[in-house]
């Protein structure tokens, strides 16, 4: 899914911006530019069987804060729209479009 983000950097930047985790525009652009390539490289390393433990650890270190950001965003949307948690859907930036939380 990293390749989908690499092919649409502006769209991915918009998705990263929706989390309001970073306010500095230079840092925001750097994250949106580097993160998809990092995902692609980690995916290739896993497929090729190179440095599996280190690559898995790096992906886990990205997954934990991402999960916290998605949870926070979902809770904000649930409070804002007064909807139950299971009815919240948005594009989390995974690359697969809008999904239910």
PDB file of N, CA and C in Angstrom:
ATOM      1  N   UNK A   1       0.825  -1.190   0.000  1.00  0.00           N
ATOM      2  CA  UNK A   1       0.000   0.000   0.000  1.00  0.00           C
ATOM      3  C   UNK A   1       0.868   1.253   0.000  1.00  0.00           C
ATOM      4  N   UNK A   2       2.119   1.111   0.362  1.00  0.00           N
ATOM      5  CA  UNK A   2       3.016   2.266   0.327  1.00  0.00           C
ATOM      6  C   UNK A   2       3.165   2.820  -1.075  1.00  0.00           C
ATOM      7  N   UNK A   3       3.130   1.940  -2.075  1.00  0.00           N
ATOM      8  CA  UNK A   3       3.278   2.392  -3.455  1.00  0.00           C
ATOM      9  C   UNK A   3       2.096   3.266  -3.881  1.00  0.00           C
ATOM     10  N   UNK A   4       0.910   2.970  -3.406  1.00  0.00           N
ATOM     11  CA  UNK A   4      -0.267   3.792  -3.711  1.00  0.00           C
ATOM     12  C   UNK A   4      -0.043   5.207  -3.186  1.00  0.00           C
ATOM     13  N   UNK A   5       0.530   5.321  -2.001  1.00  0.00           N
ATOM     14  CA  UNK A   5       0.807   6.630  -1.411  1.00  0.00           C
ATOM     15  C   UNK A   5       1.927   7.352  -2.148  1.00  0.00           C
ATOM     16  N   UNK A   6       2.911   6.597  -2.621  1.00  0.00           N
ATOM     17  CA  UNK A   6       4.010   7.192  -3.383  1.00  0.00           C
ATOM     18  C   UNK A   6       3.481   7.801  -4.683  1.00  0.00           C
ATOM     19  N   UNK A   7       2.514   7.152  -5.296  1.00  0.00           N
ATOM     20  CA  UNK A   7       1.982   7.624  -6.574  1.00  0.00           C
ATOM     21  C   UNK A   7       1.066   8.837  -6.429  1.00  0.00           C
ATOM     22  N   UNK A   8       0.559   9.107  -5.230  1.00  0.00           N
ATOM     23  CA  UNK A   8      -0.311  10.263  -4.992  1.00  0.00           C
ATOM     24  C   UNK A   8       0.153  11.005  -3.742  1.00  0.00           C
ATOM     25  N   UNK A   9       1.284  11.723  -3.825  1.00  0.00           N
ATOM     26  CA  UNK A   9       1.817  12.367  -2.620  1.00  0.00           C
ATOM     27  C   UNK A   9       0.929  13.489  -2.082  1.00  0.00           C
ATOM     28  N   UNK A  10       0.246  14.212  -2.959  1.00  0.00           N
ATOM     29  CA  UNK A  10      -0.614  15.298  -2.497  1.00  0.00           C
ATOM     30  C   UNK A  10      -1.822  14.733  -1.740  1.00  0.00           C
ATOM     31  N   UNK A  11      -2.404  13.674  -2.251  1.00  0.00           N
ATOM     32  CA  UNK A  11      -3.522  13.033  -1.570  1.00  0.00           C
ATOM     33  C   UNK A  11      -3.111  12.488  -0.217  1.00  0.00           C
ATOM     34  N   UNK A  12      -1.921  11.897  -0.154  1.00  0.00           N
ATOM     35  CA  UNK A  12      -1.442  11.373   1.124  1.00  0.00           C
ATOM     36  C   UNK A  12      -1.147  12.502   2.099  1.00  0.00           C
ATOM     37  N   UNK A  13      -0.621  13.618   1.604  1.00  0.00           N
ATOM     38  CA  UNK A  13      -0.375  14.776   2.460  1.00  0.00           C
ATOM     39  C   UNK A  13      -1.672  15.268   3.080  1.00  0.00           C
ATOM     40  N   UNK A  14      -2.744  15.297   2.311  1.00  0.00           N
ATOM     41  CA  UNK A  14      -4.043  15.722   2.836  1.00  0.00           C
ATOM     42  C   UNK A  14      -4.524  14.771   3.933  1.00  0.00           C
ATOM     43  N   UNK A  15      -4.280  13.480   3.742  1.00  0.00           N
ATOM     44  CA  UNK A  15      -4.690  12.502   4.750  1.00  0.00           C
ATOM     45  C   UNK A  15      -3.866  12.630   6.027  1.00  0.00           C
ATOM     46  N   UNK A  16      -2.573  12.888   5.891  1.00  0.00           N
ATOM     47  CA  UNK A  16      -1.722  13.065   7.066  1.00  0.00           C
ATOM     48  C   UNK A  16      -2.129  14.333   7.814  1.00  0.00           C
ATOM     49  N   UNK A  17      -2.490  15.375   7.072  1.00  0.00           N
ATOM     50  CA  UNK A  17      -2.877  16.649   7.681  1.00  0.00           C
ATOM     51  C   UNK A  17      -4.151  16.519   8.515  1.00  0.00           C
ATOM     52  N   UNK A  18      -5.058  15.602   8.169  1.00  0.00           N
ATOM     53  CA  UNK A  18      -6.329  15.484   8.891  1.00  0.00           C
ATOM     54  C   UNK A  18      -6.145  15.035  10.339  1.00  0.00           C
ATOM     55  N   UNK A  19      -5.016  14.437  10.675  1.00  0.00           N
ATOM     56  CA  UNK A  19      -4.792  13.971  12.041  1.00  0.00           C
ATOM     57  C   UNK A  19      -4.371  15.090  12.990  1.00  0.00           C
ATOM     58  N   UNK A  20      -3.955  16.215  12.486  1.00  0.00           N
ATOM     59  CA  UNK A  20      -3.533  17.365  13.296  1.00  0.00           C
ATOM     60  C   UNK A  20      -2.471  16.993  14.323  1.00  0.00           C
ATOM     61  N   UNK A  21      -1.590  16.080  13.974  1.00  0.00           N
ATOM     62  CA  UNK A  21      -0.528  15.663  14.887  1.00  0.00           C
ATOM     63  C   UNK A  21       0.713  16.535  14.727  1.00  0.00           C
ATOM     64  N   UNK A  22       0.875  17.130  13.544  1.00  0.00           N
ATOM     65  CA  UNK A  22       2.039  17.957  13.244  1.00  0.00           C
ATOM     66  C   UNK A  22       1.547  19.286  12.697  1.00  0.00           C
ATOM     67  N   UNK A  23       2.048  20.383  13.246  1.00  0.00           N
ATOM     68  CA  UNK A  23       1.603  21.694  12.777  1.00  0.00           C
ATOM     69  C   UNK A  23       2.623  22.374  11.877  1.00  0.00           C
ATOM     70  N   UNK A  24       3.887  21.975  11.957  1.00  0.00           N
ATOM     71  CA  UNK A  24       4.924  22.567  11.134  1.00  0.00           C
ATOM     72  C   UNK A  24       4.782  22.068   9.700  1.00  0.00           C
ATOM     73  N   UNK A  25       4.584  22.971   8.720  1.00  0.00           N
ATOM     74  CA  UNK A  25       4.366  22.517   7.339  1.00  0.00           C
ATOM     75  C   UNK A  25       5.567  21.807   6.726  1.00  0.00           C
ATOM     76  N   UNK A  26       6.778  22.181   7.118  1.00  0.00           N
ATOM     77  CA  UNK A  26       7.962  21.514   6.575  1.00  0.00           C
ATOM     78  C   UNK A  26       8.061  20.077   7.086  1.00  0.00           C
ATOM     79  N   UNK A  27       7.784  19.898   8.361  1.00  0.00           N
ATOM     80  CA  UNK A  27       7.799  18.552   8.943  1.00  0.00           C
ATOM     81  C   UNK A  27       6.661  17.710   8.364  1.00  0.00           C
ATOM     82  N   UNK A  28       5.514  18.330   8.178  1.00  0.00           N
ATOM     83  CA  UNK A  28       4.371  17.632   7.590  1.00  0.00           C
ATOM     84  C   UNK A  28       4.693  17.149   6.179  1.00  0.00           C
ATOM     85  N   UNK A  29       5.307  18.014   5.375  1.00  0.00           N
ATOM     86  CA  UNK A  29       5.703  17.627   4.015  1.00  0.00           C
ATOM     87  C   UNK A  29       6.768  16.538   4.030  1.00  0.00           C
ATOM     88  N   UNK A  30       7.711  16.632   4.967  1.00  0.00           N
ATOM     89  CA  UNK A  30       8.756  15.612   5.065  1.00  0.00           C
ATOM     90  C   UNK A  30       8.165  14.253   5.424  1.00  0.00           C
ATOM     91  N   UNK A  31       7.219  14.244   6.352  1.00  0.00           N
ATOM     92  CA  UNK A  31       6.566  12.989   6.739  1.00  0.00           C
ATOM     93  C   UNK A  31       5.808  12.407   5.557  1.00  0.00           C
ATOM     94  N   UNK A  32       5.036  13.246   4.876  1.00  0.00           N
ATOM     95  CA  UNK A  32       4.232  12.766   3.740  1.00  0.00           C
ATOM     96  C   UNK A  32       5.108  12.299   2.583  1.00  0.00           C
ATOM     97  N   UNK A  33       6.301  12.850   2.457  1.00  0.00           N
ATOM     98  CA  UNK A  33       7.196  12.441   1.369  1.00  0.00           C
ATOM     99  C   UNK A  33       7.989  11.187   1.716  1.00  0.00           C
ATOM    100  N   UNK A  34       8.424  11.050   2.959  1.00  0.00           N
ATOM    101  CA  UNK A  34       9.317   9.952   3.337  1.00  0.00           C
ATOM    102  C   UNK A  34       8.591   8.684   3.772  1.00  0.00           C
ATOM    103  N   UNK A  35       7.474   8.824   4.451  1.00  0.00           N
ATOM    104  CA  UNK A  35       6.787   7.665   5.024  1.00  0.00           C
ATOM    105  C   UNK A  35       6.383   6.617   3.984  1.00  0.00           C
ATOM    106  N   UNK A  36       5.804   6.996   2.841  1.00  0.00           N
ATOM    107  CA  UNK A  36       5.451   5.961   1.857  1.00  0.00           C
ATOM    108  C   UNK A  36       6.668   5.201   1.329  1.00  0.00           C
ATOM    109  N   UNK A  37       7.778   5.904   1.121  1.00  0.00           N
ATOM    110  CA  UNK A  37       8.975   5.217   0.639  1.00  0.00           C
ATOM    111  C   UNK A  37       9.519   4.276   1.694  1.00  0.00           C
ATOM    112  N   UNK A  38       9.435   4.673   2.951  1.00  0.00           N
ATOM    113  CA  UNK A  38       9.870   3.804   4.043  1.00  0.00           C
ATOM    114  C   UNK A  38       9.020   2.539   4.088  1.00  0.00           C
ATOM    115  N   UNK A  39       7.716   2.688   3.875  1.00  0.00           N
ATOM    116  CA  UNK A  39       6.825   1.525   3.842  1.00  0.00           C
ATOM    117  C   UNK A  39       7.170   0.599   2.684  1.00  0.00           C
ATOM    118  N   UNK A  40       7.459   1.171   1.530  1.00  0.00           N
ATOM    119  CA  UNK A  40       7.811   0.357   0.354  1.00  0.00           C
ATOM    120  C   UNK A  40       9.104  -0.410   0.613  1.00  0.00           C
ATOM    121  N   UNK A  41      10.099   0.273   1.160  1.00  0.00           N
ATOM    122  CA  UNK A  41      11.383  -0.386   1.425  1.00  0.00           C
ATOM    123  C   UNK A  41      11.220  -1.489   2.463  1.00  0.00           C
ATOM    124  N   UNK A  42      10.467  -1.218   3.522  1.00  0.00           N
ATOM    125  CA  UNK A  42      10.236  -2.252   4.539  1.00  0.00           C
ATOM    126  C   UNK A  42       9.489  -3.444   3.948  1.00  0.00           C
ATOM    127  N   UNK A  43       8.508  -3.188   3.104  1.00  0.00           N
ATOM    128  CA  UNK A  43       7.778  -4.273   2.454  1.00  0.00           C
ATOM    129  C   UNK A  43       8.678  -5.124   1.580  1.00  0.00           C
ATOM    130  N   UNK A  44       9.553  -4.472   0.810  1.00  0.00           N
ATOM    131  CA  UNK A  44      10.484  -5.216  -0.037  1.00  0.00           C
ATOM    132  C   UNK A  44      11.458  -6.043   0.797  1.00  0.00           C
ATOM    133  N   UNK A  45      11.931  -5.465   1.897  1.00  0.00           N
ATOM    134  CA  UNK A  45      12.834  -6.222   2.765  1.00  0.00           C
ATOM    135  C   UNK A  45      12.152  -7.460   3.338  1.00  0.00           C
ATOM    136  N   UNK A  46      10.891  -7.327   3.734  1.00  0.00           N
ATOM    137  CA  UNK A  46      10.164  -8.491   4.263  1.00  0.00           C
ATOM    138  C   UNK A  46       9.953  -9.542   3.183  1.00  0.00           C
ATOM    139  N   UNK A  47       9.582  -9.104   1.986  1.00  0.00           N
ATOM    140  CA  UNK A  47       9.358 -10.055   0.886  1.00  0.00           C
ATOM    141  C   UNK A  47      10.643 -10.791   0.536  1.00  0.00           C
ATOM    142  N   UNK A  48      11.759 -10.059   0.529  1.00  0.00           N
ATOM    143  CA  UNK A  48      13.045 -10.663   0.174  1.00  0.00           C
ATOM    144  C   UNK A  48      13.673 -11.434   1.331  1.00  0.00           C
ATOM    145  N   UNK A  49      13.115 -11.313   2.523  1.00  0.00           N
ATOM    146  CA  UNK A  49      13.641 -12.043   3.673  1.00  0.00           C
ATOM    147  C   UNK A  49      14.922 -11.456   4.239  1.00  0.00           C
ATOM    148  N   UNK A  50      15.110 -10.159   4.036  1.00  0.00           N
ATOM    149  CA  UNK A  50      16.319  -9.488   4.519  1.00  0.00           C
ATOM    150  C   UNK A  50      15.976  -8.726   5.798  1.00  0.00           C
ATOM    151  N   UNK A  51      16.726  -8.977   6.850  1.00  0.00           N
ATOM    152  CA  UNK A  51      16.563  -8.272   8.128  1.00  0.00           C
ATOM    153  C   UNK A  51      15.113  -8.316   8.603  1.00  0.00           C
ATOM    154  N   UNK A  52      14.547  -9.503   8.637  1.00  0.00           N
ATOM    155  CA  UNK A  52      13.140  -9.647   9.005  1.00  0.00           C
ATOM    156  C   UNK A  52      12.822  -9.108  10.395  1.00  0.00           C
ATOM    157  N   UNK A  53      13.655  -9.413  11.370  1.00  0.00           N
ATOM    158  CA  UNK A  53      13.371  -8.968  12.731  1.00  0.00           C
ATOM    159  C   UNK A  53      13.436  -7.441  12.844  1.00  0.00           C
ATOM    160  N   UNK A  54      14.469  -6.843  12.296  1.00  0.00           N
ATOM    161  CA  UNK A  54      14.613  -5.394  12.362  1.00  0.00           C
ATOM    162  C   UNK A  54      13.518  -4.676  11.592  1.00  0.00           C
ATOM    163  N   UNK A  55      13.186  -5.215  10.425  1.00  0.00           N
ATOM    164  CA  UNK A  55      12.125  -4.611   9.624  1.00  0.00           C
ATOM    165  C   UNK A  55      10.780  -4.736  10.322  1.00  0.00           C
ATOM    166  N   UNK A  56      10.525  -5.880  10.897  1.00  0.00           N
ATOM    167  CA  UNK A  56       9.269  -6.074  11.635  1.00  0.00           C
ATOM    168  C   UNK A  56       9.181  -5.129  12.821  1.00  0.00           C
ATOM    169  N   UNK A  57      10.299  -4.942  13.507  1.00  0.00           N
ATOM    170  CA  UNK A  57      10.321  -4.021  14.637  1.00  0.00           C
ATOM    171  C   UNK A  57      10.049  -2.585  14.179  1.00  0.00           C
ATOM    172  N   UNK A  58      10.635  -2.177  13.075  1.00  0.00           N
ATOM    173  CA  UNK A  58      10.399  -0.828  12.548  1.00  0.00           C
ATOM    174  C   UNK A  58       8.932  -0.643  12.159  1.00  0.00           C
ATOM    175  N   UNK A  59       8.356  -1.642  11.538  1.00  0.00           N
ATOM    176  CA  UNK A  59       6.944  -1.550  11.167  1.00  0.00           C
ATOM    177  C   UNK A  59       6.047  -1.513  12.400  1.00  0.00           C
ATOM    178  N   UNK A  60       6.405  -2.271  13.430  1.00  0.00           N
ATOM    179  CA  UNK A  60       5.640  -2.228  14.675  1.00  0.00           C
ATOM    180  C   UNK A  60       5.753  -0.859  15.327  1.00  0.00           C
ATOM    181  N   UNK A  61       6.936  -0.256  15.268  1.00  0.00           N
ATOM    182  CA  UNK A  61       7.125   1.072  15.837  1.00  0.00           C
ATOM    183  C   UNK A  61       6.346   2.136  15.064  1.00  0.00           C
ATOM    184  N   UNK A  62       6.005   1.866  13.825  1.00  0.00           N
ATOM    185  CA  UNK A  62       5.146   2.773  13.059  1.00  0.00           C
ATOM    186  C   UNK A  62       3.676   2.457  13.312  1.00  0.00           C
ATOM    187  N   UNK A  63       3.350   1.198  13.519  1.00  0.00           N
ATOM    188  CA  UNK A  63       1.960   0.779  13.673  1.00  0.00           C
ATOM    189  C   UNK A  63       1.343   1.236  14.991  1.00  0.00           C
ATOM    190  N   UNK A  64       2.093   1.203  16.065  1.00  0.00           N
ATOM    191  CA  UNK A  64       1.545   1.569  17.373  1.00  0.00           C
ATOM    192  C   UNK A  64       1.098   3.029  17.416  1.00  0.00           C
ATOM    193  N   UNK A  65       1.948   4.012  17.035  1.00  0.00           N
ATOM    194  CA  UNK A  65       1.454   5.391  17.058  1.00  0.00           C
ATOM    195  C   UNK A  65       0.359   5.642  16.026  1.00  0.00           C
ATOM    196  N   UNK A  66       0.425   4.952  14.885  1.00  0.00           N
ATOM    197  CA  UNK A  66      -0.614   5.115  13.871  1.00  0.00           C
ATOM    198  C   UNK A  66      -1.965   4.647  14.416  1.00  0.00           C
ATOM    199  N   UNK A  67      -1.965   3.524  15.125  1.00  0.00           N
ATOM    200  CA  UNK A  67      -3.201   3.013  15.717  1.00  0.00           C
ATOM    201  C   UNK A  67      -3.752   3.999  16.742  1.00  0.00           C
ATOM    202  N   UNK A  68      -2.871   4.598  17.538  1.00  0.00           N
ATOM    203  CA  UNK A  68      -3.311   5.598  18.514  1.00  0.00           C
ATOM    204  C   UNK A  68      -3.897   6.823  17.811  1.00  0.00           C
ATOM    205  N   UNK A  69      -3.282   7.258  16.713  1.00  0.00           N
ATOM    206  CA  UNK A  69      -3.804   8.402  15.954  1.00  0.00           C
ATOM    207  C   UNK A  69      -5.166   8.095  15.353  1.00  0.00           C
ATOM    208  N   UNK A  70      -5.326   6.896  14.809  1.00  0.00           N
ATOM    209  CA  UNK A  70      -6.613   6.508  14.221  1.00  0.00           C
ATOM    210  C   UNK A  70      -7.686   6.448  15.309  1.00  0.00           C
ATOM    211  N   UNK A  71      -7.358   5.891  16.455  1.00  0.00           N
ATOM    212  CA  UNK A  71      -8.313   5.830  17.558  1.00  0.00           C
ATOM    213  C   UNK A  71      -8.727   7.236  18.005  1.00  0.00           C
ATOM    214  N   UNK A  72      -7.749   8.113  18.152  1.00  0.00           N
ATOM    215  CA  UNK A  72      -8.039   9.482  18.560  1.00  0.00           C
ATOM    216  C   UNK A  72      -8.935  10.183  17.539  1.00  0.00           C
ATOM    217  N   UNK A  73      -8.615  10.032  16.265  1.00  0.00           N
ATOM    218  CA  UNK A  73      -9.422  10.659  15.200  1.00  0.00           C
ATOM    219  C   UNK A  73     -10.844  10.090  15.196  1.00  0.00           C
ATOM    220  N   UNK A  74     -10.975   8.789  15.372  1.00  0.00           N
ATOM    221  CA  UNK A  74     -12.300   8.162  15.387  1.00  0.00           C
ATOM    222  C   UNK A  74     -13.124   8.652  16.572  1.00  0.00           C
ATOM    223  N   UNK A  75     -12.497   8.769  17.724  1.00  0.00           N
ATOM    224  CA  UNK A  75     -13.215   9.269  18.895  1.00  0.00           C
ATOM    225  C   UNK A  75     -13.648  10.723  18.706  1.00  0.00           C
ATOM    226  N   UNK A  76     -12.789  11.524  18.068  1.00  0.00           N
ATOM    227  CA  UNK A  76     -13.157  12.910  17.772  1.00  0.00           C
ATOM    228  C   UNK A  76     -14.354  12.973  16.836  1.00  0.00           C
ATOM    229  N   UNK A  77     -14.337  12.152  15.792  1.00  0.00           N
ATOM    230  CA  UNK A  77     -15.455  12.141  14.844  1.00  0.00           C
ATOM    231  C   UNK A  77     -16.733  11.625  15.499  1.00  0.00           C
ATOM    232  N   UNK A  78     -16.605  10.640  16.376  1.00  0.00           N
ATOM    233  CA  UNK A  78     -17.784  10.114  17.063  1.00  0.00           C
ATOM    234  C   UNK A  78     -18.412  11.182  17.951  1.00  0.00           C
ATOM    235  N   UNK A  79     -17.577  11.954  18.634  1.00  0.00           N
ATOM    236  CA  UNK A  79     -18.095  13.022  19.499  1.00  0.00           C
ATOM    237  C   UNK A  79     -18.672  14.165  18.671  1.00  0.00           C
ATOM    238  N   UNK A  80     -18.016  14.486  17.566  1.00  0.00           N
ATOM    239  CA  UNK A  80     -18.452  15.600  16.728  1.00  0.00           C
ATOM    240  C   UNK A  80     -19.778  15.313  16.027  1.00  0.00           C
ATOM    241  N   UNK A  81     -19.918  14.095  15.514  1.00  0.00           N
ATOM    242  CA  UNK A  81     -21.115  13.730  14.747  1.00  0.00           C
ATOM    243  C   UNK A  81     -22.173  13.038  15.597  1.00  0.00           C
ATOM    244  N   UNK A  82     -21.842  12.798  16.872  1.00  0.00           N
ATOM    245  CA  UNK A  82     -22.773  12.125  17.780  1.00  0.00           C
ATOM    246  C   UNK A  82     -23.227  10.768  17.222  1.00  0.00           C
ATOM    247  N   UNK A  83     -22.251   9.981  16.786  1.00  0.00           N
ATOM    248  CA  UNK A  83     -22.504   8.653  16.234  1.00  0.00           C
ATOM    249  C   UNK A  83     -21.860   7.600  17.120  1.00  0.00           C
ATOM    250  N   UNK A  84     -22.375   6.374  17.092  1.00  0.00           N
ATOM    251  CA  UNK A  84     -21.686   5.296  17.810  1.00  0.00           C
ATOM    252  C   UNK A  84     -20.336   5.003  17.142  1.00  0.00           C
ATOM    253  N   UNK A  85     -19.420   4.496  17.928  1.00  0.00           N
ATOM    254  CA  UNK A  85     -18.055   4.256  17.448  1.00  0.00           C
ATOM    255  C   UNK A  85     -18.024   3.350  16.219  1.00  0.00           C
ATOM    256  N   UNK A  86     -18.883   2.334  16.191  1.00  0.00           N
ATOM    257  CA  UNK A  86     -18.870   1.374  15.080  1.00  0.00           C
ATOM    258  C   UNK A  86     -19.425   1.975  13.786  1.00  0.00           C
ATOM    259  N   UNK A  87     -20.056   3.138  13.860  1.00  0.00           N
ATOM    260  CA  UNK A  87     -20.617   3.783  12.665  1.00  0.00           C
ATOM    261  C   UNK A  87     -19.661   4.802  12.053  1.00  0.00           C
ATOM    262  N   UNK A  88     -18.498   4.989  12.642  1.00  0.00           N
ATOM    263  CA  UNK A  88     -17.538   5.983  12.153  1.00  0.00           C
ATOM    264  C   UNK A  88     -16.752   5.385  10.991  1.00  0.00           C
ATOM    265  N   UNK A  89     -16.667   6.137   9.906  1.00  0.00           N
ATOM    266  CA  UNK A  89     -15.837   5.728   8.782  1.00  0.00           C
ATOM    267  C   UNK A  89     -15.110   6.952   8.239  1.00  0.00           C
ATOM    268  N   UNK A  90     -13.855   6.751   7.903  1.00  0.00           N
ATOM    269  CA  UNK A  90     -13.058   7.795   7.264  1.00  0.00           C
ATOM    270  C   UNK A  90     -11.853   7.148   6.601  1.00  0.00           C
ATOM    271  N   UNK A  91     -11.185   7.917   5.761  1.00  0.00           N
ATOM    272  CA  UNK A  91      -9.986   7.439   5.084  1.00  0.00           C
ATOM    273  C   UNK A  91      -8.819   7.633   6.045  1.00  0.00           C
ATOM    274  N   UNK A  92      -8.305   6.548   6.575  1.00  0.00           N
ATOM    275  CA  UNK A  92      -7.263   6.627   7.595  1.00  0.00           C
ATOM    276  C   UNK A  92      -5.880   6.884   7.008  1.00  0.00           C
ATOM    277  N   UNK A  93      -5.740   6.749   5.701  1.00  0.00           N
ATOM    278  CA  UNK A  93      -4.435   6.948   5.078  1.00  0.00           C
ATOM    279  C   UNK A  93      -3.717   5.652   4.791  1.00  0.00           C
ATOM    280  N   UNK A  94      -4.394   4.543   4.979  1.00  0.00           N
ATOM    281  CA  UNK A  94      -3.775   3.234   4.741  1.00  0.00           C
ATOM    282  C   UNK A  94      -3.561   2.977   3.251  1.00  0.00           C
ATOM    283  N   UNK A  95      -4.349   3.630   2.431  1.00  0.00           N
ATOM    284  CA  UNK A  95      -4.237   3.437   0.998  1.00  0.00           C
ATOM    285  C   UNK A  95      -5.385   2.663   0.415  1.00  0.00           C
ATOM    286  N   UNK A  96      -6.323   2.235   1.249  1.00  0.00           N
ATOM    287  CA  UNK A  96      -7.453   1.446   0.745  1.00  0.00           C
ATOM    288  C   UNK A  96      -8.753   2.238   0.716  1.00  0.00           C
ATOM    289  N   UNK A  97      -8.697   3.542   0.946  1.00  0.00           N
ATOM    290  CA  UNK A  97      -9.887   4.377   0.888  1.00  0.00           C
ATOM    291  C   UNK A  97     -10.603   4.437   2.216  1.00  0.00           C
ATOM    292  N   UNK A  98     -11.847   4.865   2.175  1.00  0.00           N
ATOM    293  CA  UNK A  98     -12.642   5.039   3.385  1.00  0.00           C
ATOM    294  C   UNK A  98     -13.066   3.682   3.940  1.00  0.00           C
ATOM    295  N   UNK A  99     -12.852   3.498   5.240  1.00  0.00           N
ATOM    296  CA  UNK A  99     -13.199   2.232   5.897  1.00  0.00           C
ATOM    297  C   UNK A  99     -13.910   2.534   7.210  1.00  0.00           C
ATOM    298  N   UNK A 100     -14.701   1.576   7.691  1.00  0.00           N
ATOM    299  CA  UNK A 100     -15.332   1.688   8.997  1.00  0.00           C
ATOM    300  C   UNK A 100     -14.288   1.359  10.062  1.00  0.00           C
ATOM    301  N   UNK A 101     -14.325   2.097  11.135  1.00  0.00           N
ATOM    302  CA  UNK A 101     -13.372   1.878  12.217  1.00  0.00           C
ATOM    303  C   UNK A 101     -13.729   0.580  12.922  1.00  0.00           C
TER     304      UNK A 101
END
